[in-house]
């Protein structure tokens, strides 16, 4: 390569084109692990529907396939969901406009934020990702409560299936871009339950991409350089760790969490997933404010030493700049 030739960087992300991310999640991790991609981007959590469990399951890495993947950044994206498909004539008001039927499980159902632009009474099946269904539950409960919900691996894949089917009884919850790519009609727009609906994505890299494998600061991707970040030193960085404990030992989880309190580290999220080692055994994911210092000192380093003494296993997944401008 000539000295003047710019460095080419490949970024992989989850899902087909026009989805909110690209590629299959395991493939994203593996492409970073093998060096085929400089960065990977995977969804981590949604502000209204919670954690993306398949990302957590890959981070658990029960087969040891992605041991050299670390988190180097985060991205927050506003998510607007659209109901897309084929129109079936002029717009007709729903029989119960704006209100869902109360049930024992939901005696006071939420009102949806938007109404259909066109008649949707003909829709019998909806394709989308499980996260999208959860984020649009109020609209579905009012206007699509009789339709079958078919989960697929991405919102754009749902739009693709509707386009391939060519059947007016099919629809998808997807992005506006997906409707344009697959030449579908927008039947309703911004149908998510909340207008502040956001999804947080983690940016992945191989440790060899960093100046120091425990010091990700200099290797922040170019596409994250200009985003908002917290100005507080403590809140300016986040760190993610995972660990397992001996569930038979009383207070084992409390001891592990107390390590963060002892070292004055504020937790921002806690998740757990089956470890797949044995039934009812879990891996815990803890995210907190702070960073692992290159010098090997500091509060985070002390907390990791504490985890080493009170857990069966732990893993540092990375430290990165906090892009949540609410902090």
C-alpha atoms as a PDB file:
ATOM      1  CA  UNK A   1       0.000   0.000   0.000  1.00  0.00           C
ATOM      2  CA  UNK A   2       1.339   3.433  -0.893  1.00  0.00           C
ATOM      3  CA  UNK A   3       2.053   5.734   2.025  1.00  0.00           C
ATOM      4  CA  UNK A   4      -0.435   8.291   0.709  1.00  0.00           C
ATOM      5  CA  UNK A   5      -3.252   5.772   0.247  1.00  0.00           C
ATOM      6  CA  UNK A   6      -5.955   6.261   2.903  1.00  0.00           C
ATOM      7  CA  UNK A   7      -6.606   3.429   5.325  1.00  0.00           C
ATOM      8  CA  UNK A   8      -9.789   1.566   4.439  1.00  0.00           C
ATOM      9  CA  UNK A   9     -11.936   0.582   7.391  1.00  0.00           C
ATOM     10  CA  UNK A  10     -14.773  -1.916   7.154  1.00  0.00           C
ATOM     11  CA  UNK A  11     -17.725  -1.628   9.543  1.00  0.00           C
ATOM     12  CA  UNK A  12     -20.185  -4.506   9.877  1.00  0.00           C
ATOM     13  CA  UNK A  13     -23.631  -4.126  11.374  1.00  0.00           C
ATOM     14  CA  UNK A  14     -26.773  -6.220  11.869  1.00  0.00           C
ATOM     15  CA  UNK A  15     -29.564  -6.916   9.368  1.00  0.00           C
ATOM     16  CA  UNK A  16     -30.311  -6.463   5.646  1.00  0.00           C
ATOM     17  CA  UNK A  17     -30.005  -3.030   4.005  1.00  0.00           C
ATOM     18  CA  UNK A  18     -32.638  -0.539   5.288  1.00  0.00           C
ATOM     19  CA  UNK A  19     -32.851  -2.088   8.742  1.00  0.00           C
ATOM     20  CA  UNK A  20     -31.639  -0.262  11.820  1.00  0.00           C
ATOM     21  CA  UNK A  21     -28.465  -2.385  11.787  1.00  0.00           C
ATOM     22  CA  UNK A  22     -26.871  -4.967   9.421  1.00  0.00           C
ATOM     23  CA  UNK A  23     -25.632  -8.597   9.229  1.00  0.00           C
ATOM     24  CA  UNK A  24     -26.410 -11.419  11.660  1.00  0.00           C
ATOM     25  CA  UNK A  25     -25.171 -10.626  15.167  1.00  0.00           C
ATOM     26  CA  UNK A  26     -22.790 -13.639  15.457  1.00  0.00           C
ATOM     27  CA  UNK A  27     -21.296 -12.729  12.075  1.00  0.00           C
ATOM     28  CA  UNK A  28     -20.633  -9.174  13.257  1.00  0.00           C
ATOM     29  CA  UNK A  29     -18.706 -10.435  16.288  1.00  0.00           C
ATOM     30  CA  UNK A  30     -16.797 -13.012  14.252  1.00  0.00           C
ATOM     31  CA  UNK A  31     -15.849 -10.487  11.563  1.00  0.00           C
ATOM     32  CA  UNK A  32     -14.222  -8.342  14.254  1.00  0.00           C
ATOM     33  CA  UNK A  33     -12.627 -11.358  15.950  1.00  0.00           C
ATOM     34  CA  UNK A  34     -11.001 -12.529  12.707  1.00  0.00           C
ATOM     35  CA  UNK A  35      -9.975  -9.048  11.580  1.00  0.00           C
ATOM     36  CA  UNK A  36     -12.234  -9.082   8.513  1.00  0.00           C
ATOM     37  CA  UNK A  37     -13.860  -5.903   9.856  1.00  0.00           C
ATOM     38  CA  UNK A  38     -12.286  -2.968  11.681  1.00  0.00           C
ATOM     39  CA  UNK A  39     -15.436  -2.278  13.663  1.00  0.00           C
ATOM     40  CA  UNK A  40     -18.734  -3.988  14.358  1.00  0.00           C
ATOM     41  CA  UNK A  41     -21.997  -2.366  15.465  1.00  0.00           C
ATOM     42  CA  UNK A  42     -24.641  -4.344  17.372  1.00  0.00           C
ATOM     43  CA  UNK A  43     -27.852  -3.291  19.169  1.00  0.00           C
ATOM     44  CA  UNK A  44     -27.560  -3.449  22.948  1.00  0.00           C
ATOM     45  CA  UNK A  45     -30.747  -1.990  24.447  1.00  0.00           C
ATOM     46  CA  UNK A  46     -33.856   0.010  23.667  1.00  0.00           C
ATOM     47  CA  UNK A  47     -35.078   2.825  25.877  1.00  0.00           C
ATOM     48  CA  UNK A  48     -38.631   1.452  26.082  1.00  0.00           C
ATOM     49  CA  UNK A  49     -38.274  -2.305  25.495  1.00  0.00           C
ATOM     50  CA  UNK A  50     -35.052  -3.119  27.315  1.00  0.00           C
ATOM     51  CA  UNK A  51     -32.014  -5.227  26.528  1.00  0.00           C
ATOM     52  CA  UNK A  52     -31.361  -7.031  23.248  1.00  0.00           C
ATOM     53  CA  UNK A  53     -30.890 -10.546  24.590  1.00  0.00           C
ATOM     54  CA  UNK A  54     -29.165 -12.075  21.563  1.00  0.00           C
ATOM     55  CA  UNK A  55     -26.350  -9.534  21.890  1.00  0.00           C
ATOM     56  CA  UNK A  56     -25.957 -10.444  25.572  1.00  0.00           C
ATOM     57  CA  UNK A  57     -25.894 -14.145  24.663  1.00  0.00           C
ATOM     58  CA  UNK A  58     -23.070 -13.591  22.171  1.00  0.00           C
ATOM     59  CA  UNK A  59     -21.147 -11.520  24.713  1.00  0.00           C
ATOM     60  CA  UNK A  60     -21.464 -14.484  27.118  1.00  0.00           C
ATOM     61  CA  UNK A  61     -19.353 -16.393  24.546  1.00  0.00           C
ATOM     62  CA  UNK A  62     -19.992 -19.859  25.932  1.00  0.00           C
ATOM     63  CA  UNK A  63     -17.872 -21.468  23.173  1.00  0.00           C
ATOM     64  CA  UNK A  64     -14.968 -19.008  23.450  1.00  0.00           C
ATOM     65  CA  UNK A  65     -15.323 -17.871  19.830  1.00  0.00           C
ATOM     66  CA  UNK A  66     -15.092 -14.093  20.351  1.00  0.00           C
ATOM     67  CA  UNK A  67     -12.603 -13.714  23.190  1.00  0.00           C
ATOM     68  CA  UNK A  68     -10.712 -10.938  21.384  1.00  0.00           C
ATOM     69  CA  UNK A  69     -13.669  -8.610  20.815  1.00  0.00           C
ATOM     70  CA  UNK A  70     -14.023  -5.528  22.995  1.00  0.00           C
ATOM     71  CA  UNK A  71     -16.406  -2.578  23.171  1.00  0.00           C
ATOM     72  CA  UNK A  72     -14.887   0.751  22.093  1.00  0.00           C
ATOM     73  CA  UNK A  73     -17.915   2.999  21.691  1.00  0.00           C
ATOM     74  CA  UNK A  74     -21.665   3.463  21.702  1.00  0.00           C
ATOM     75  CA  UNK A  75     -24.221   5.075  19.397  1.00  0.00           C
ATOM     76  CA  UNK A  76     -27.741   6.290  20.247  1.00  0.00           C
ATOM     77  CA  UNK A  77     -30.263   6.302  17.389  1.00  0.00           C
ATOM     78  CA  UNK A  78     -33.818   7.667  17.400  1.00  0.00           C
ATOM     79  CA  UNK A  79     -36.155   4.898  16.238  1.00  0.00           C
ATOM     80  CA  UNK A  80     -39.384   5.670  14.360  1.00  0.00           C
ATOM     81  CA  UNK A  81     -41.442   2.666  13.318  1.00  0.00           C
ATOM     82  CA  UNK A  82     -43.729   2.567  10.291  1.00  0.00           C
ATOM     83  CA  UNK A  83     -46.455   0.129   9.333  1.00  0.00           C
ATOM     84  CA  UNK A  84     -45.783  -0.720   5.689  1.00  0.00           C
ATOM     85  CA  UNK A  85     -47.563  -2.910   3.176  1.00  0.00           C
ATOM     86  CA  UNK A  86     -50.176  -2.573   0.452  1.00  0.00           C
ATOM     87  CA  UNK A  87     -53.165  -0.249   0.547  1.00  0.00           C
ATOM     88  CA  UNK A  88     -56.675  -1.705   0.213  1.00  0.00           C
ATOM     89  CA  UNK A  89     -58.839   1.213  -0.763  1.00  0.00           C
ATOM     90  CA  UNK A  90     -59.732   4.451   0.977  1.00  0.00           C
ATOM     91  CA  UNK A  91     -58.998   5.166   4.622  1.00  0.00           C
ATOM     92  CA  UNK A  92     -61.636   4.010   7.103  1.00  0.00           C
ATOM     93  CA  UNK A  93     -61.693   4.872  10.783  1.00  0.00           C
ATOM     94  CA  UNK A  94     -61.138   1.916  13.135  1.00  0.00           C
ATOM     95  CA  UNK A  95     -64.228   0.652  14.917  1.00  0.00           C
ATOM     96  CA  UNK A  96     -62.697   1.681  18.273  1.00  0.00           C
ATOM     97  CA  UNK A  97     -60.608   4.756  17.378  1.00  0.00           C
ATOM     98  CA  UNK A  98     -57.718   5.398  19.694  1.00  0.00           C
ATOM     99  CA  UNK A  99     -58.692   2.945  22.434  1.00  0.00           C
ATOM    100  CA  UNK A 100     -57.734  -0.646  23.146  1.00  0.00           C
ATOM    101  CA  UNK A 101     -60.128  -3.101  24.729  1.00  0.00           C
ATOM    102  CA  UNK A 102     -59.504  -3.355  28.504  1.00  0.00           C
ATOM    103  CA  UNK A 103     -58.599  -6.835  29.729  1.00  0.00           C
ATOM    104  CA  UNK A 104     -57.837  -8.379  33.117  1.00  0.00           C
ATOM    105  CA  UNK A 105     -54.133  -8.210  32.324  1.00  0.00           C
ATOM    106  CA  UNK A 106     -54.360  -4.620  31.030  1.00  0.00           C
ATOM    107  CA  UNK A 107     -57.362  -2.866  32.597  1.00  0.00           C
ATOM    108  CA  UNK A 108     -56.157   0.584  31.467  1.00  0.00           C
ATOM    109  CA  UNK A 109     -54.476   0.105  28.065  1.00  0.00           C
ATOM    110  CA  UNK A 110     -52.377   2.920  26.615  1.00  0.00           C
ATOM    111  CA  UNK A 111     -53.625   5.098  23.771  1.00  0.00           C
ATOM    112  CA  UNK A 112     -51.460   4.865  20.646  1.00  0.00           C
ATOM    113  CA  UNK A 113     -49.556   7.984  19.598  1.00  0.00           C
ATOM    114  CA  UNK A 114     -50.685   7.830  15.965  1.00  0.00           C
ATOM    115  CA  UNK A 115     -53.540   6.653  13.779  1.00  0.00           C
ATOM    116  CA  UNK A 116     -53.375   4.769  10.487  1.00  0.00           C
ATOM    117  CA  UNK A 117     -53.021   6.828   7.312  1.00  0.00           C
ATOM    118  CA  UNK A 118     -54.955   4.196   5.385  1.00  0.00           C
ATOM    119  CA  UNK A 119     -57.377   1.403   6.147  1.00  0.00           C
ATOM    120  CA  UNK A 120     -55.589  -1.475   7.940  1.00  0.00           C
ATOM    121  CA  UNK A 121     -58.582  -3.699   8.686  1.00  0.00           C
ATOM    122  CA  UNK A 122     -57.541  -6.059   5.883  1.00  0.00           C
ATOM    123  CA  UNK A 123     -54.191  -6.931   7.516  1.00  0.00           C
ATOM    124  CA  UNK A 124     -54.019 -10.510   8.822  1.00  0.00           C
ATOM    125  CA  UNK A 125     -50.285 -10.961   9.451  1.00  0.00           C
ATOM    126  CA  UNK A 126     -47.489  -8.594  10.531  1.00  0.00           C
ATOM    127  CA  UNK A 127     -43.772  -9.288  10.152  1.00  0.00           C
ATOM    128  CA  UNK A 128     -41.156  -7.605  12.306  1.00  0.00           C
ATOM    129  CA  UNK A 129     -38.422  -8.030  14.900  1.00  0.00           C
ATOM    130  CA  UNK A 130     -39.491  -8.851  18.460  1.00  0.00           C
ATOM    131  CA  UNK A 131     -38.092  -5.518  19.684  1.00  0.00           C
ATOM    132  CA  UNK A 132     -40.269  -3.604  17.211  1.00  0.00           C
ATOM    133  CA  UNK A 133     -43.393  -5.479  18.286  1.00  0.00           C
ATOM    134  CA  UNK A 134     -42.648  -4.578  21.896  1.00  0.00           C
ATOM    135  CA  UNK A 135     -42.020  -0.925  21.052  1.00  0.00           C
ATOM    136  CA  UNK A 136     -45.349  -0.596  19.167  1.00  0.00           C
ATOM    137  CA  UNK A 137     -47.639  -2.531  21.502  1.00  0.00           C
ATOM    138  CA  UNK A 138     -50.238   0.238  21.973  1.00  0.00           C
ATOM    139  CA  UNK A 139     -50.793   0.739  18.226  1.00  0.00           C
ATOM    140  CA  UNK A 140     -51.015  -3.011  17.665  1.00  0.00           C
ATOM    141  CA  UNK A 141     -53.506  -3.435  20.529  1.00  0.00           C
ATOM    142  CA  UNK A 142     -55.874  -0.881  18.997  1.00  0.00           C
ATOM    143  CA  UNK A 143     -55.570  -1.223  15.236  1.00  0.00           C
ATOM    144  CA  UNK A 144     -54.059  -4.678  14.631  1.00  0.00           C
ATOM    145  CA  UNK A 145     -55.239  -6.767  17.563  1.00  0.00           C
ATOM    146  CA  UNK A 146     -56.601  -9.518  15.310  1.00  0.00           C
ATOM    147  CA  UNK A 147     -53.450  -9.837  13.201  1.00  0.00           C
ATOM    148  CA  UNK A 148     -50.905 -12.634  13.632  1.00  0.00           C
ATOM    149  CA  UNK A 149     -47.454 -11.405  14.692  1.00  0.00           C
ATOM    150  CA  UNK A 150     -44.632 -13.207  12.875  1.00  0.00           C
ATOM    151  CA  UNK A 151     -41.162 -12.552  14.311  1.00  0.00           C
ATOM    152  CA  UNK A 152     -38.226 -12.300  11.888  1.00  0.00           C
ATOM    153  CA  UNK A 153     -34.547 -11.480  12.426  1.00  0.00           C
ATOM    154  CA  UNK A 154     -34.799  -7.825  11.393  1.00  0.00           C
ATOM    155  CA  UNK A 155     -37.403  -5.174  10.602  1.00  0.00           C
ATOM    156  CA  UNK A 156     -36.155  -4.862   7.027  1.00  0.00           C
ATOM    157  CA  UNK A 157     -36.449  -8.608   6.515  1.00  0.00           C
ATOM    158  CA  UNK A 158     -40.109  -8.253   7.455  1.00  0.00           C
ATOM    159  CA  UNK A 159     -40.602  -5.570   4.787  1.00  0.00           C
ATOM    160  CA  UNK A 160     -38.783  -7.776   2.279  1.00  0.00           C
ATOM    161  CA  UNK A 161     -41.121 -10.695   2.995  1.00  0.00           C
ATOM    162  CA  UNK A 162     -44.188  -8.503   2.538  1.00  0.00           C
ATOM    163  CA  UNK A 163     -42.867  -7.221  -0.786  1.00  0.00           C
ATOM    164  CA  UNK A 164     -42.099 -10.756  -1.949  1.00  0.00           C
ATOM    165  CA  UNK A 165     -45.524 -11.987  -0.869  1.00  0.00           C
ATOM    166  CA  UNK A 166     -47.405  -9.298  -2.768  1.00  0.00           C
ATOM    167  CA  UNK A 167     -50.441  -9.946  -0.569  1.00  0.00           C
ATOM    168  CA  UNK A 168     -52.477  -7.017   0.781  1.00  0.00           C
ATOM    169  CA  UNK A 169     -53.212  -8.951   3.976  1.00  0.00           C
ATOM    170  CA  UNK A 170     -49.504  -8.816   4.909  1.00  0.00           C
ATOM    171  CA  UNK A 171     -47.741  -5.879   6.544  1.00  0.00           C
ATOM    172  CA  UNK A 172     -44.496  -5.144   8.342  1.00  0.00           C
ATOM    173  CA  UNK A 173     -43.293  -2.840  11.080  1.00  0.00           C
ATOM    174  CA  UNK A 174     -40.110  -1.363   9.696  1.00  0.00           C
ATOM    175  CA  UNK A 175     -38.315   1.870   8.858  1.00  0.00           C
ATOM    176  CA  UNK A 176     -39.422   4.455   6.316  1.00  0.00           C
ATOM    177  CA  UNK A 177     -36.308   3.577   4.333  1.00  0.00           C
ATOM    178  CA  UNK A 178     -37.383  -0.080   4.198  1.00  0.00           C
ATOM    179  CA  UNK A 179     -40.710   0.988   2.674  1.00  0.00           C
ATOM    180  CA  UNK A 180     -38.852   2.970   0.009  1.00  0.00           C
ATOM    181  CA  UNK A 181     -36.337   0.200  -0.728  1.00  0.00           C
ATOM    182  CA  UNK A 182     -39.050  -2.454  -1.114  1.00  0.00           C
ATOM    183  CA  UNK A 183     -41.608  -0.171  -2.819  1.00  0.00           C
ATOM    184  CA  UNK A 184     -44.221  -0.532  -0.079  1.00  0.00           C
ATOM    185  CA  UNK A 185     -46.938   1.883   1.005  1.00  0.00           C
ATOM    186  CA  UNK A 186     -46.695   3.597   4.383  1.00  0.00           C
ATOM    187  CA  UNK A 187     -49.944   2.656   6.139  1.00  0.00           C
ATOM    188  CA  UNK A 188     -49.076   4.388   9.425  1.00  0.00           C
ATOM    189  CA  UNK A 189     -46.077   6.401  10.604  1.00  0.00           C
ATOM    190  CA  UNK A 190     -44.334   6.829  13.962  1.00  0.00           C
ATOM    191  CA  UNK A 191     -46.346   4.053  15.596  1.00  0.00           C
ATOM    192  CA  UNK A 192     -43.898   3.449  18.460  1.00  0.00           C
ATOM    193  CA  UNK A 193     -45.340   3.844  21.967  1.00  0.00           C
ATOM    194  CA  UNK A 194     -43.017   6.706  22.940  1.00  0.00           C
ATOM    195  CA  UNK A 195     -41.766   9.698  20.990  1.00  0.00           C
ATOM    196  CA  UNK A 196     -38.379   9.432  22.737  1.00  0.00           C
ATOM    197  CA  UNK A 197     -37.812   5.871  21.535  1.00  0.00           C
ATOM    198  CA  UNK A 198     -34.080   5.233  21.153  1.00  0.00           C
ATOM    199  CA  UNK A 199     -31.847   2.215  20.643  1.00  0.00           C
ATOM    200  CA  UNK A 200     -28.289   2.099  21.923  1.00  0.00           C
ATOM    201  CA  UNK A 201     -25.715   0.282  19.803  1.00  0.00           C
ATOM    202  CA  UNK A 202     -22.293  -0.909  20.932  1.00  0.00           C
ATOM    203  CA  UNK A 203     -19.258  -0.444  18.690  1.00  0.00           C
ATOM    204  CA  UNK A 204     -16.871  -3.401  18.707  1.00  0.00           C
ATOM    205  CA  UNK A 205     -13.202  -3.691  17.795  1.00  0.00           C
ATOM    206  CA  UNK A 206     -10.314  -6.141  18.099  1.00  0.00           C
ATOM    207  CA  UNK A 207      -7.834  -5.268  20.904  1.00  0.00           C
ATOM    208  CA  UNK A 208      -5.042  -5.017  18.344  1.00  0.00           C
ATOM    209  CA  UNK A 209      -6.823  -1.984  16.899  1.00  0.00           C
ATOM    210  CA  UNK A 210      -6.185  -0.025  20.120  1.00  0.00           C
ATOM    211  CA  UNK A 211      -2.954   1.661  21.078  1.00  0.00           C
ATOM    212  CA  UNK A 212      -3.140  -0.273  24.324  1.00  0.00           C
ATOM    213  CA  UNK A 213      -5.486  -3.266  24.799  1.00  0.00           C
ATOM    214  CA  UNK A 214      -6.708  -1.874  28.115  1.00  0.00           C
ATOM    215  CA  UNK A 215      -6.834   1.787  27.055  1.00  0.00           C
ATOM    216  CA  UNK A 216      -9.371   2.387  24.268  1.00  0.00           C
ATOM    217  CA  UNK A 217      -9.254   6.187  24.309  1.00  0.00           C
ATOM    218  CA  UNK A 218      -6.995   6.782  21.264  1.00  0.00           C
ATOM    219  CA  UNK A 219      -8.894   4.215  19.160  1.00  0.00           C
ATOM    220  CA  UNK A 220     -12.336   5.847  19.321  1.00  0.00           C
ATOM    221  CA  UNK A 221     -13.744   5.340  15.802  1.00  0.00           C
ATOM    222  CA  UNK A 222     -13.749   8.377  13.524  1.00  0.00           C
ATOM    223  CA  UNK A 223     -17.530   8.210  13.144  1.00  0.00           C
ATOM    224  CA  UNK A 224     -17.915   8.732  16.916  1.00  0.00           C
ATOM    225  CA  UNK A 225     -15.529  11.643  17.277  1.00  0.00           C
ATOM    226  CA  UNK A 226     -18.109  14.413  16.889  1.00  0.00           C
ATOM    227  CA  UNK A 227     -21.021  12.924  18.839  1.00  0.00           C
ATOM    228  CA  UNK A 228     -22.239  14.333  22.167  1.00  0.00           C
ATOM    229  CA  UNK A 229     -20.585  13.000  25.290  1.00  0.00           C
ATOM    230  CA  UNK A 230     -20.799  13.672  28.991  1.00  0.00           C
ATOM    231  CA  UNK A 231     -18.377  16.294  30.281  1.00  0.00           C
ATOM    232  CA  UNK A 232     -18.041  14.941  33.835  1.00  0.00           C
ATOM    233  CA  UNK A 233     -14.799  12.960  34.336  1.00  0.00           C
ATOM    234  CA  UNK A 234     -16.638  10.200  36.189  1.00  0.00           C
ATOM    235  CA  UNK A 235     -19.630  10.127  33.846  1.00  0.00           C
ATOM    236  CA  UNK A 236     -17.485  10.685  30.753  1.00  0.00           C
ATOM    237  CA  UNK A 237     -16.674   6.982  30.397  1.00  0.00           C
ATOM    238  CA  UNK A 238     -18.455   3.667  30.722  1.00  0.00           C
ATOM    239  CA  UNK A 239     -17.128   0.167  31.321  1.00  0.00           C
ATOM    240  CA  UNK A 240     -18.808  -3.213  30.803  1.00  0.00           C
ATOM    241  CA  UNK A 241     -17.870  -6.395  32.655  1.00  0.00           C
ATOM    242  CA  UNK A 242     -19.395  -9.845  32.880  1.00  0.00           C
ATOM    243  CA  UNK A 243     -18.999 -12.434  35.622  1.00  0.00           C
ATOM    244  CA  UNK A 244     -20.359 -15.668  37.030  1.00  0.00           C
ATOM    245  CA  UNK A 245     -20.671 -16.627  40.687  1.00  0.00           C
ATOM    246  CA  UNK A 246     -21.150 -19.723  42.808  1.00  0.00           C
ATOM    247  CA  UNK A 247     -24.935 -19.673  43.223  1.00  0.00           C
ATOM    248  CA  UNK A 248     -24.678 -22.069  46.172  1.00  0.00           C
ATOM    249  CA  UNK A 249     -22.762 -19.550  48.240  1.00  0.00           C
ATOM    250  CA  UNK A 250     -24.931 -17.204  50.285  1.00  0.00           C
ATOM    251  CA  UNK A 251     -24.366 -13.568  49.380  1.00  0.00           C
ATOM    252  CA  UNK A 252     -22.154 -14.312  46.368  1.00  0.00           C
ATOM    253  CA  UNK A 253     -23.929 -11.826  44.084  1.00  0.00           C
ATOM    254  CA  UNK A 254     -24.102  -9.205  46.843  1.00  0.00           C
ATOM    255  CA  UNK A 255     -20.348  -9.561  47.382  1.00  0.00           C
ATOM    256  CA  UNK A 256     -19.664  -9.026  43.693  1.00  0.00           C
ATOM    257  CA  UNK A 257     -21.875  -5.925  43.475  1.00  0.00           C
ATOM    258  CA  UNK A 258     -20.452  -4.520  46.690  1.00  0.00           C
ATOM    259  CA  UNK A 259     -17.073  -4.404  44.958  1.00  0.00           C
ATOM    260  CA  UNK A 260     -18.366  -1.547  42.799  1.00  0.00           C
ATOM    261  CA  UNK A 261     -19.789   0.345  45.769  1.00  0.00           C
ATOM    262  CA  UNK A 262     -16.554  -0.066  47.720  1.00  0.00           C
ATOM    263  CA  UNK A 263     -14.650   1.504  44.836  1.00  0.00           C
ATOM    264  CA  UNK A 264     -17.145   4.354  44.401  1.00  0.00           C
ATOM    265  CA  UNK A 265     -18.336   3.229  40.960  1.00  0.00           C
ATOM    266  CA  UNK A 266     -21.889   4.084  39.906  1.00  0.00           C
ATOM    267  CA  UNK A 267     -23.742   1.243  38.121  1.00  0.00           C
ATOM    268  CA  UNK A 268     -25.745   2.185  35.022  1.00  0.00           C
ATOM    269  CA  UNK A 269     -27.220  -1.218  34.104  1.00  0.00           C
ATOM    270  CA  UNK A 270     -27.343  -4.852  35.251  1.00  0.00           C
ATOM    271  CA  UNK A 271     -28.430  -7.801  33.093  1.00  0.00           C
ATOM    272  CA  UNK A 272     -28.311 -11.557  33.472  1.00  0.00           C
ATOM    273  CA  UNK A 273     -28.534 -14.424  31.000  1.00  0.00           C
ATOM    274  CA  UNK A 274     -28.245 -18.213  31.340  1.00  0.00           C
ATOM    275  CA  UNK A 275     -24.564 -19.137  31.218  1.00  0.00           C
ATOM    276  CA  UNK A 276     -25.327 -22.436  29.392  1.00  0.00           C
ATOM    277  CA  UNK A 277     -22.862 -24.163  31.725  1.00  0.00           C
ATOM    278  CA  UNK A 278     -25.631 -25.853  33.713  1.00  0.00           C
ATOM    279  CA  UNK A 279     -29.349 -25.231  34.387  1.00  0.00           C
ATOM    280  CA  UNK A 280     -30.130 -22.141  36.509  1.00  0.00           C
ATOM    281  CA  UNK A 281     -26.580 -20.839  36.333  1.00  0.00           C
ATOM    282  CA  UNK A 282     -26.241 -17.237  35.119  1.00  0.00           C
ATOM    283  CA  UNK A 283     -23.762 -14.745  33.785  1.00  0.00           C
ATOM    284  CA  UNK A 284     -24.217 -11.176  35.029  1.00  0.00           C
ATOM    285  CA  UNK A 285     -23.410  -8.129  32.904  1.00  0.00           C
ATOM    286  CA  UNK A 286     -22.681  -4.923  34.811  1.00  0.00           C
ATOM    287  CA  UNK A 287     -22.124  -1.549  33.188  1.00  0.00           C
ATOM    288  CA  UNK A 288     -20.809   1.338  35.249  1.00  0.00           C
ATOM    289  CA  UNK A 289     -19.295   4.808  35.031  1.00  0.00           C
ATOM    290  CA  UNK A 290     -15.522   4.980  34.781  1.00  0.00           C
ATOM    291  CA  UNK A 291     -12.679   3.574  32.708  1.00  0.00           C
ATOM    292  CA  UNK A 292      -9.793   1.162  33.075  1.00  0.00           C
ATOM    293  CA  UNK A 293      -6.599   3.208  33.301  1.00  0.00           C
ATOM    294  CA  UNK A 294      -3.546   2.348  31.216  1.00  0.00           C
ATOM    295  CA  UNK A 295      -1.361   2.707  34.300  1.00  0.00           C
ATOM    296  CA  UNK A 296      -3.028  -0.259  35.983  1.00  0.00           C
ATOM    297  CA  UNK A 297      -4.301   1.879  38.854  1.00  0.00           C
ATOM    298  CA  UNK A 298      -7.586   3.609  39.654  1.00  0.00           C
ATOM    299  CA  UNK A 299     -10.982   2.594  40.947  1.00  0.00           C
ATOM    300  CA  UNK A 300     -11.921   0.363  38.017  1.00  0.00           C
ATOM    301  CA  UNK A 301      -8.697  -1.625  38.318  1.00  0.00           C
ATOM    302  CA  UNK A 302      -9.352  -2.122  42.040  1.00  0.00           C
ATOM    303  CA  UNK A 303     -12.925  -3.243  41.311  1.00  0.00           C
ATOM    304  CA  UNK A 304     -11.720  -5.848  38.827  1.00  0.00           C
ATOM    305  CA  UNK A 305      -9.255  -7.182  41.390  1.00  0.00           C
ATOM    306  CA  UNK A 306     -12.178  -7.433  43.797  1.00  0.00           C
ATOM    307  CA  UNK A 307     -14.231  -9.375  41.246  1.00  0.00           C
ATOM    308  CA  UNK A 308     -11.341 -11.760  40.750  1.00  0.00           C
ATOM    309  CA  UNK A 309     -11.509 -12.712  44.431  1.00  0.00           C
ATOM    310  CA  UNK A 310     -15.295 -13.149  44.747  1.00  0.00           C
ATOM    311  CA  UNK A 311     -16.443 -14.555  41.378  1.00  0.00           C
ATOM    312  CA  UNK A 312     -15.892 -17.807  39.480  1.00  0.00           C
ATOM    313  CA  UNK A 313     -14.935 -15.935  36.334  1.00  0.00           C
ATOM    314  CA  UNK A 314     -15.028 -12.375  35.043  1.00  0.00           C
ATOM    315  CA  UNK A 315     -14.324 -10.550  31.809  1.00  0.00           C
ATOM    316  CA  UNK A 316     -13.651  -6.899  31.058  1.00  0.00           C
ATOM    317  CA  UNK A 317     -15.429  -6.107  27.772  1.00  0.00           C
ATOM    318  CA  UNK A 318     -14.154  -2.582  27.299  1.00  0.00           C
ATOM    319  CA  UNK A 319     -14.274   1.071  28.306  1.00  0.00           C
ATOM    320  CA  UNK A 320     -15.615   3.819  26.046  1.00  0.00           C
ATOM    321  CA  UNK A 321     -16.812   7.401  25.983  1.00  0.00           C
ATOM    322  CA  UNK A 322     -20.312   7.947  27.351  1.00  0.00           C
ATOM    323  CA  UNK A 323     -22.469   9.257  24.465  1.00  0.00           C
ATOM    324  CA  UNK A 324     -25.648   9.637  26.489  1.00  0.00           C
ATOM    325  CA  UNK A 325     -26.098  13.410  26.555  1.00  0.00           C
ATOM    326  CA  UNK A 326     -28.613  13.110  29.417  1.00  0.00           C
ATOM    327  CA  UNK A 327     -25.726  12.232  31.779  1.00  0.00           C
END
